PDB file of N, CA and C in Angstrom:
ATOM      1  N   MET A   1     -39.305 -65.870  85.443  1.00  0.00           N
ATOM      2  CA  MET A   1     -37.975 -65.747  84.859  1.00  0.00           C
ATOM      3  C   MET A   1     -38.080 -65.446  83.361  1.00  0.00           C
ATOM      4  N   ALA A   2     -38.893 -66.198  82.641  1.00  0.00           N
ATOM      5  CA  ALA A   2     -39.083 -65.924  81.226  1.00  0.00           C
ATOM      6  C   ALA A   2     -40.165 -64.863  81.068  1.00  0.00           C
ATOM      7  N   LYS A   3     -40.008 -63.988  80.087  1.00  0.00           N
ATOM      8  CA  LYS A   3     -41.009 -62.941  79.871  1.00  0.00           C
ATOM      9  C   LYS A   3     -42.337 -63.550  79.444  1.00  0.00           C
ATOM     10  N   SER A   4     -42.271 -64.552  78.607  1.00  0.00           N
ATOM     11  CA  SER A   4     -43.479 -65.225  78.150  1.00  0.00           C
ATOM     12  C   SER A   4     -43.071 -66.593  77.621  1.00  0.00           C
ATOM     13  N   GLY A   5     -44.054 -67.410  77.373  1.00  0.00           N
ATOM     14  CA  GLY A   5     -43.770 -68.714  76.790  1.00  0.00           C
ATOM     15  C   GLY A   5     -43.906 -69.844  77.785  1.00  0.00           C
ATOM     16  N   ILE A   6     -43.801 -71.031  77.256  1.00  0.00           N
ATOM     17  CA  ILE A   6     -43.978 -72.241  78.040  1.00  0.00           C
ATOM     18  C   ILE A   6     -42.883 -72.418  79.086  1.00  0.00           C
ATOM     19  N   GLU A   7     -41.772 -71.743  78.898  1.00  0.00           N
ATOM     20  CA  GLU A   7     -40.679 -71.834  79.880  1.00  0.00           C
ATOM     21  C   GLU A   7     -41.134 -71.447  81.288  1.00  0.00           C
ATOM     22  N   ASN A   8     -42.149 -70.613  81.381  1.00  0.00           N
ATOM     23  CA  ASN A   8     -42.651 -70.178  82.687  1.00  0.00           C
ATOM     24  C   ASN A   8     -43.193 -71.328  83.531  1.00  0.00           C
ATOM     25  N   LEU A   9     -43.480 -72.461  82.910  1.00  0.00           N
ATOM     26  CA  LEU A   9     -44.000 -73.596  83.658  1.00  0.00           C
ATOM     27  C   LEU A   9     -42.891 -74.434  84.311  1.00  0.00           C
ATOM     28  N   PHE A  10     -41.668 -74.203  83.940  1.00  0.00           N
ATOM     29  CA  PHE A  10     -40.562 -74.947  84.541  1.00  0.00           C
ATOM     30  C   PHE A  10     -40.128 -74.293  85.844  1.00  0.00           C
ATOM     31  N   PRO A  11     -39.660 -75.089  86.811  1.00  0.00           N
ATOM     32  CA  PRO A  11     -39.145 -74.506  88.053  1.00  0.00           C
ATOM     33  C   PRO A  11     -37.990 -73.545  87.774  1.00  0.00           C
ATOM     34  N   GLU A  12     -37.991 -72.431  88.467  1.00  0.00           N
ATOM     35  CA  GLU A  12     -37.004 -71.376  88.225  1.00  0.00           C
ATOM     36  C   GLU A  12     -35.566 -71.863  88.393  1.00  0.00           C
ATOM     37  N   LYS A  13     -35.344 -72.818  89.272  1.00  0.00           N
ATOM     38  CA  LYS A  13     -33.981 -73.309  89.511  1.00  0.00           C
ATOM     39  C   LYS A  13     -33.362 -73.918  88.257  1.00  0.00           C
ATOM     40  N   LEU A  14     -34.177 -74.359  87.309  1.00  0.00           N
ATOM     41  CA  LEU A  14     -33.653 -74.959  86.083  1.00  0.00           C
ATOM     42  C   LEU A  14     -33.045 -73.937  85.129  1.00  0.00           C
ATOM     43  N   PHE A  15     -33.305 -72.679  85.359  1.00  0.00           N
ATOM     44  CA  PHE A  15     -32.837 -71.634  84.453  1.00  0.00           C
ATOM     45  C   PHE A  15     -31.388 -71.218  84.680  1.00  0.00           C
ATOM     46  N   GLU A  16     -30.771 -71.692  85.775  1.00  0.00           N
ATOM     47  CA  GLU A  16     -29.364 -71.327  86.009  1.00  0.00           C
ATOM     48  C   GLU A  16     -28.551 -71.692  84.776  1.00  0.00           C
ATOM     49  N   GLY A  17     -27.758 -70.779  84.312  1.00  0.00           N
ATOM     50  CA  GLY A  17     -26.964 -71.005  83.109  1.00  0.00           C
ATOM     51  C   GLY A  17     -27.663 -70.578  81.836  1.00  0.00           C
ATOM     52  N   PHE A  18     -28.922 -70.214  81.940  1.00  0.00           N
ATOM     53  CA  PHE A  18     -29.690 -69.810  80.766  1.00  0.00           C
ATOM     54  C   PHE A  18     -30.331 -68.437  80.977  1.00  0.00           C
ATOM     55  N   VAL A  19     -29.719 -67.625  81.803  1.00  0.00           N
ATOM     56  CA  VAL A  19     -30.250 -66.303  82.105  1.00  0.00           C
ATOM     57  C   VAL A  19     -29.256 -65.224  81.699  1.00  0.00           C
ATOM     58  N   LYS A  20     -29.792 -64.044  81.528  1.00  0.00           N
ATOM     59  CA  LYS A  20     -28.943 -62.879  81.281  1.00  0.00           C
ATOM     60  C   LYS A  20     -29.364 -61.796  82.255  1.00  0.00           C
ATOM     61  N   THR A  21     -28.443 -60.914  82.552  1.00  0.00           N
ATOM     62  CA  THR A  21     -28.720 -59.811  83.456  1.00  0.00           C
ATOM     63  C   THR A  21     -28.873 -58.545  82.630  1.00  0.00           C
ATOM     64  N   ILE A  22     -29.970 -57.880  82.831  1.00  0.00           N
ATOM     65  CA  ILE A  22     -30.272 -56.630  82.138  1.00  0.00           C
ATOM     66  C   ILE A  22     -30.108 -55.501  83.156  1.00  0.00           C
ATOM     67  N   THR A  23     -29.299 -54.509  82.832  1.00  0.00           N
ATOM     68  CA  THR A  23     -29.136 -53.347  83.703  1.00  0.00           C
ATOM     69  C   THR A  23     -29.979 -52.205  83.140  1.00  0.00           C
ATOM     70  N   ARG A  24     -30.929 -51.766  83.924  1.00  0.00           N
ATOM     71  CA  ARG A  24     -31.824 -50.681  83.530  1.00  0.00           C
ATOM     72  C   ARG A  24     -31.106 -49.339  83.671  1.00  0.00           C
ATOM     73  N   PRO A  25     -31.613 -48.286  83.021  1.00  0.00           N
ATOM     74  CA  PRO A  25     -30.956 -46.973  83.062  1.00  0.00           C
ATOM     75  C   PRO A  25     -30.669 -46.443  84.464  1.00  0.00           C
ATOM     76  N   ARG A  26     -31.496 -46.790  85.426  1.00  0.00           N
ATOM     77  CA  ARG A  26     -31.274 -46.295  86.790  1.00  0.00           C
ATOM     78  C   ARG A  26     -30.430 -47.268  87.622  1.00  0.00           C
ATOM     79  N   GLY A  27     -29.817 -48.243  86.972  1.00  0.00           N
ATOM     80  CA  GLY A  27     -28.928 -49.162  87.659  1.00  0.00           C
ATOM     81  C   GLY A  27     -29.572 -50.429  88.182  1.00  0.00           C
ATOM     82  N   GLN A  28     -30.896 -50.541  88.093  1.00  0.00           N
ATOM     83  CA  GLN A  28     -31.575 -51.745  88.560  1.00  0.00           C
ATOM     84  C   GLN A  28     -31.221 -52.908  87.638  1.00  0.00           C
ATOM     85  N   GLU A  29     -30.898 -54.041  88.245  1.00  0.00           N
ATOM     86  CA  GLU A  29     -30.572 -55.224  87.455  1.00  0.00           C
ATOM     87  C   GLU A  29     -31.712 -56.230  87.526  1.00  0.00           C
ATOM     88  N   ASN A  30     -32.079 -56.758  86.383  1.00  0.00           N
ATOM     89  CA  ASN A  30     -33.096 -57.802  86.277  1.00  0.00           C
ATOM     90  C   ASN A  30     -32.474 -59.014  85.614  1.00  0.00           C
ATOM     91  N   ARG A  31     -32.759 -60.180  86.174  1.00  0.00           N
ATOM     92  CA  ARG A  31     -32.323 -61.430  85.548  1.00  0.00           C
ATOM     93  C   ARG A  31     -33.515 -62.021  84.827  1.00  0.00           C
ATOM     94  N   GLU A  32     -33.284 -62.448  83.598  1.00  0.00           N
ATOM     95  CA  GLU A  32     -34.368 -63.049  82.839  1.00  0.00           C
ATOM     96  C   GLU A  32     -33.824 -64.140  81.929  1.00  0.00           C
ATOM     97  N   PHE A  33     -34.716 -65.021  81.528  1.00  0.00           N
ATOM     98  CA  PHE A  33     -34.359 -66.102  80.620  1.00  0.00           C
ATOM     99  C   PHE A  33     -33.828 -65.525  79.327  1.00  0.00           C
ATOM    100  N   ASP A  34     -32.718 -66.047  78.870  1.00  0.00           N
ATOM    101  CA  ASP A  34     -32.109 -65.604  77.614  1.00  0.00           C
ATOM    102  C   ASP A  34     -32.746 -66.384  76.471  1.00  0.00           C
ATOM    103  N   ALA A  35     -33.655 -65.755  75.745  1.00  0.00           N
ATOM    104  CA  ALA A  35     -34.374 -66.419  74.658  1.00  0.00           C
ATOM    105  C   ALA A  35     -33.425 -66.972  73.601  1.00  0.00           C
ATOM    106  N   GLY A  36     -32.240 -66.417  73.500  1.00  0.00           N
ATOM    107  CA  GLY A  36     -31.233 -66.934  72.564  1.00  0.00           C
ATOM    108  C   GLY A  36     -30.708 -68.294  72.981  1.00  0.00           C
ATOM    109  N   GLU A  37     -30.985 -68.685  74.211  1.00  0.00           N
ATOM    110  CA  GLU A  37     -30.552 -69.985  74.745  1.00  0.00           C
ATOM    111  C   GLU A  37     -31.679 -71.017  74.736  1.00  0.00           C
ATOM    112  N   LYS A  38     -32.750 -70.720  74.020  1.00  0.00           N
ATOM    113  CA  LYS A  38     -33.926 -71.590  74.035  1.00  0.00           C
ATOM    114  C   LYS A  38     -33.593 -73.017  73.577  1.00  0.00           C
ATOM    115  N   ALA A  39     -32.835 -73.155  72.513  1.00  0.00           N
ATOM    116  CA  ALA A  39     -32.480 -74.491  72.012  1.00  0.00           C
ATOM    117  C   ALA A  39     -31.598 -75.231  73.013  1.00  0.00           C
ATOM    118  N   ALA A  40     -30.668 -74.519  73.641  1.00  0.00           N
ATOM    119  CA  ALA A  40     -29.796 -75.141  74.646  1.00  0.00           C
ATOM    120  C   ALA A  40     -30.616 -75.546  75.875  1.00  0.00           C
ATOM    121  N   PHE A  41     -31.576 -74.717  76.263  1.00  0.00           N
ATOM    122  CA  PHE A  41     -32.435 -75.038  77.397  1.00  0.00           C
ATOM    123  C   PHE A  41     -33.265 -76.281  77.081  1.00  0.00           C
ATOM    124  N   GLU A  42     -33.796 -76.350  75.887  1.00  0.00           N
ATOM    125  CA  GLU A  42     -34.566 -77.521  75.470  1.00  0.00           C
ATOM    126  C   GLU A  42     -33.712 -78.785  75.549  1.00  0.00           C
ATOM    127  N   ALA A  43     -32.499 -78.726  75.021  1.00  0.00           N
ATOM    128  CA  ALA A  43     -31.603 -79.879  75.067  1.00  0.00           C
ATOM    129  C   ALA A  43     -31.297 -80.275  76.513  1.00  0.00           C
ATOM    130  N   PHE A  44     -31.106 -79.288  77.373  1.00  0.00           N
ATOM    131  CA  PHE A  44     -30.840 -79.525  78.786  1.00  0.00           C
ATOM    132  C   PHE A  44     -32.004 -80.267  79.440  1.00  0.00           C
ATOM    133  N   ILE A  45     -33.216 -79.790  79.211  1.00  0.00           N
ATOM    134  CA  ILE A  45     -34.407 -80.406  79.796  1.00  0.00           C
ATOM    135  C   ILE A  45     -34.572 -81.835  79.293  1.00  0.00           C
ATOM    136  N   LEU A  46     -34.404 -82.033  78.000  1.00  0.00           N
ATOM    137  CA  LEU A  46     -34.560 -83.373  77.437  1.00  0.00           C
ATOM    138  C   LEU A  46     -33.493 -84.325  77.963  1.00  0.00           C
ATOM    139  N   ALA A  47     -32.276 -83.850  78.111  1.00  0.00           N
ATOM    140  CA  ALA A  47     -31.190 -84.692  78.618  1.00  0.00           C
ATOM    141  C   ALA A  47     -31.407 -85.075  80.079  1.00  0.00           C
ATOM    142  N   ARG A  48     -32.029 -84.182  80.846  1.00  0.00           N
ATOM    143  CA  ARG A  48     -32.307 -84.479  82.261  1.00  0.00           C
ATOM    144  C   ARG A  48     -33.298 -85.628  82.387  1.00  0.00           C
ATOM    145  N   ASP A  49     -34.269 -85.670  81.489  1.00  0.00           N
ATOM    146  CA  ASP A  49     -35.279 -86.728  81.483  1.00  0.00           C
ATOM    147  C   ASP A  49     -35.860 -86.935  82.884  1.00  0.00           C
ATOM    148  N   ASN A  50     -36.282 -85.826  83.497  1.00  0.00           N
ATOM    149  CA  ASN A  50     -36.767 -85.850  84.872  1.00  0.00           C
ATOM    150  C   ASN A  50     -38.236 -85.421  84.902  1.00  0.00           C
ATOM    151  N   PRO A  51     -39.153 -86.351  85.151  1.00  0.00           N
ATOM    152  CA  PRO A  51     -40.578 -85.999  85.180  1.00  0.00           C
ATOM    153  C   PRO A  51     -40.909 -84.880  86.174  1.00  0.00           C
ATOM    154  N   ALA A  52     -40.136 -84.752  87.237  1.00  0.00           N
ATOM    155  CA  ALA A  52     -40.393 -83.700  88.229  1.00  0.00           C
ATOM    156  C   ALA A  52     -40.250 -82.304  87.624  1.00  0.00           C
ATOM    157  N   ASP A  53     -39.487 -82.170  86.545  1.00  0.00           N
ATOM    158  CA  ASP A  53     -39.333 -80.874  85.878  1.00  0.00           C
ATOM    159  C   ASP A  53     -40.654 -80.382  85.304  1.00  0.00           C
ATOM    160  N   PHE A  54     -41.594 -81.294  85.102  1.00  0.00           N
ATOM    161  CA  PHE A  54     -42.847 -80.964  84.423  1.00  0.00           C
ATOM    162  C   PHE A  54     -44.045 -80.888  85.375  1.00  0.00           C
ATOM    163  N   VAL A  55     -43.782 -80.823  86.680  1.00  0.00           N
ATOM    164  CA  VAL A  55     -44.860 -80.818  87.670  1.00  0.00           C
ATOM    165  C   VAL A  55     -45.839 -79.665  87.437  1.00  0.00           C
ATOM    166  N   ASN A  56     -45.365 -78.524  87.017  1.00  0.00           N
ATOM    167  CA  ASN A  56     -46.244 -77.366  86.796  1.00  0.00           C
ATOM    168  C   ASN A  56     -47.061 -77.467  85.519  1.00  0.00           C
ATOM    169  N   PHE A  57     -46.822 -78.504  84.740  1.00  0.00           N
ATOM    170  CA  PHE A  57     -47.582 -78.716  83.509  1.00  0.00           C
ATOM    171  C   PHE A  57     -48.881 -79.481  83.769  1.00  0.00           C
ATOM    172  N   GLU A  58     -49.056 -79.998  84.987  1.00  0.00           N
ATOM    173  CA  GLU A  58     -50.204 -80.859  85.278  1.00  0.00           C
ATOM    174  C   GLU A  58     -51.560 -80.213  84.953  1.00  0.00           C
ATOM    175  N   PRO A  59     -51.811 -78.955  85.306  1.00  0.00           N
ATOM    176  CA  PRO A  59     -53.108 -78.362  84.919  1.00  0.00           C
ATOM    177  C   PRO A  59     -53.310 -78.339  83.392  1.00  0.00           C
ATOM    178  N   LEU A  60     -52.252 -78.099  82.656  1.00  0.00           N
ATOM    179  CA  LEU A  60     -52.344 -78.109  81.191  1.00  0.00           C
ATOM    180  C   LEU A  60     -52.655 -79.518  80.690  1.00  0.00           C
ATOM    181  N   VAL A  61     -51.971 -80.508  81.226  1.00  0.00           N
ATOM    182  CA  VAL A  61     -52.206 -81.902  80.836  1.00  0.00           C
ATOM    183  C   VAL A  61     -53.641 -82.299  81.150  1.00  0.00           C
ATOM    184  N   GLN A  62     -54.121 -81.919  82.322  1.00  0.00           N
ATOM    185  CA  GLN A  62     -55.496 -82.232  82.712  1.00  0.00           C
ATOM    186  C   GLN A  62     -56.498 -81.608  81.744  1.00  0.00           C
ATOM    187  N   ARG A  63     -56.257 -80.366  81.384  1.00  0.00           N
ATOM    188  CA  ARG A  63     -57.181 -79.674  80.467  1.00  0.00           C
ATOM    189  C   ARG A  63     -57.180 -80.345  79.088  1.00  0.00           C
ATOM    190  N   ILE A  64     -56.037 -80.749  78.624  1.00  0.00           N
ATOM    191  CA  ILE A  64     -55.957 -81.450  77.338  1.00  0.00           C
ATOM    192  C   ILE A  64     -56.716 -82.768  77.409  1.00  0.00           C
ATOM    193  N   ARG A  65     -56.575 -83.465  78.521  1.00  0.00           N
ATOM    194  CA  ARG A  65     -57.324 -84.725  78.686  1.00  0.00           C
ATOM    195  C   ARG A  65     -58.833 -84.482  78.666  1.00  0.00           C
ATOM    196  N   GLU A  66     -59.274 -83.420  79.351  1.00  0.00           N
ATOM    197  CA  GLU A  66     -60.686 -83.088  79.367  1.00  0.00           C
ATOM    198  C   GLU A  66     -61.207 -82.801  77.964  1.00  0.00           C
ATOM    199  N   LEU A  67     -60.454 -82.013  77.224  1.00  0.00           N
ATOM    200  CA  LEU A  67     -60.858 -81.686  75.859  1.00  0.00           C
ATOM    201  C   LEU A  67     -60.863 -82.915  74.968  1.00  0.00           C
ATOM    202  N   ASN A  68     -59.892 -83.780  75.172  1.00  0.00           N
ATOM    203  CA  ASN A  68     -59.808 -85.004  74.381  1.00  0.00           C
ATOM    204  C   ASN A  68     -61.007 -85.898  74.633  1.00  0.00           C
ATOM    205  N   GLU A  69     -61.448 -85.982  75.883  1.00  0.00           N
ATOM    206  CA  GLU A  69     -62.622 -86.799  76.224  1.00  0.00           C
ATOM    207  C   GLU A  69     -63.865 -86.253  75.528  1.00  0.00           C
ATOM    208  N   LYS A  70     -63.985 -84.969  75.390  1.00  0.00           N
ATOM    209  CA  LYS A  70     -65.139 -84.359  74.721  1.00  0.00           C
ATOM    210  C   LYS A  70     -65.154 -84.684  73.232  1.00  0.00           C
ATOM    211  N   VAL A  71     -63.984 -84.808  72.647  1.00  0.00           N
ATOM    212  CA  VAL A  71     -63.872 -85.092  71.210  1.00  0.00           C
ATOM    213  C   VAL A  71     -64.211 -86.554  70.922  1.00  0.00           C
ATOM    214  N   GLU A  72     -63.822 -87.414  71.808  1.00  0.00           N
ATOM    215  CA  GLU A  72     -64.048 -88.852  71.596  1.00  0.00           C
ATOM    216  C   GLU A  72     -65.479 -89.146  71.762  1.00  0.00           C
TER     217      GLU A  72
END
């Protein structure tokens, strides 16, 4: 849904209300995350306070833990 960025780790269903539709010259429509809504999306995620929203972050968390163990 998002072109790039950490937003790609969130489940796509969370993006409802934070997307825009782009109509290409040949009439094809693409829905994508509206980067102008980034602050509103952040507030939405924080207000939900739902750990399940972060399930796709687990590989990143694991890698950070691994790196942290090497530093200690």
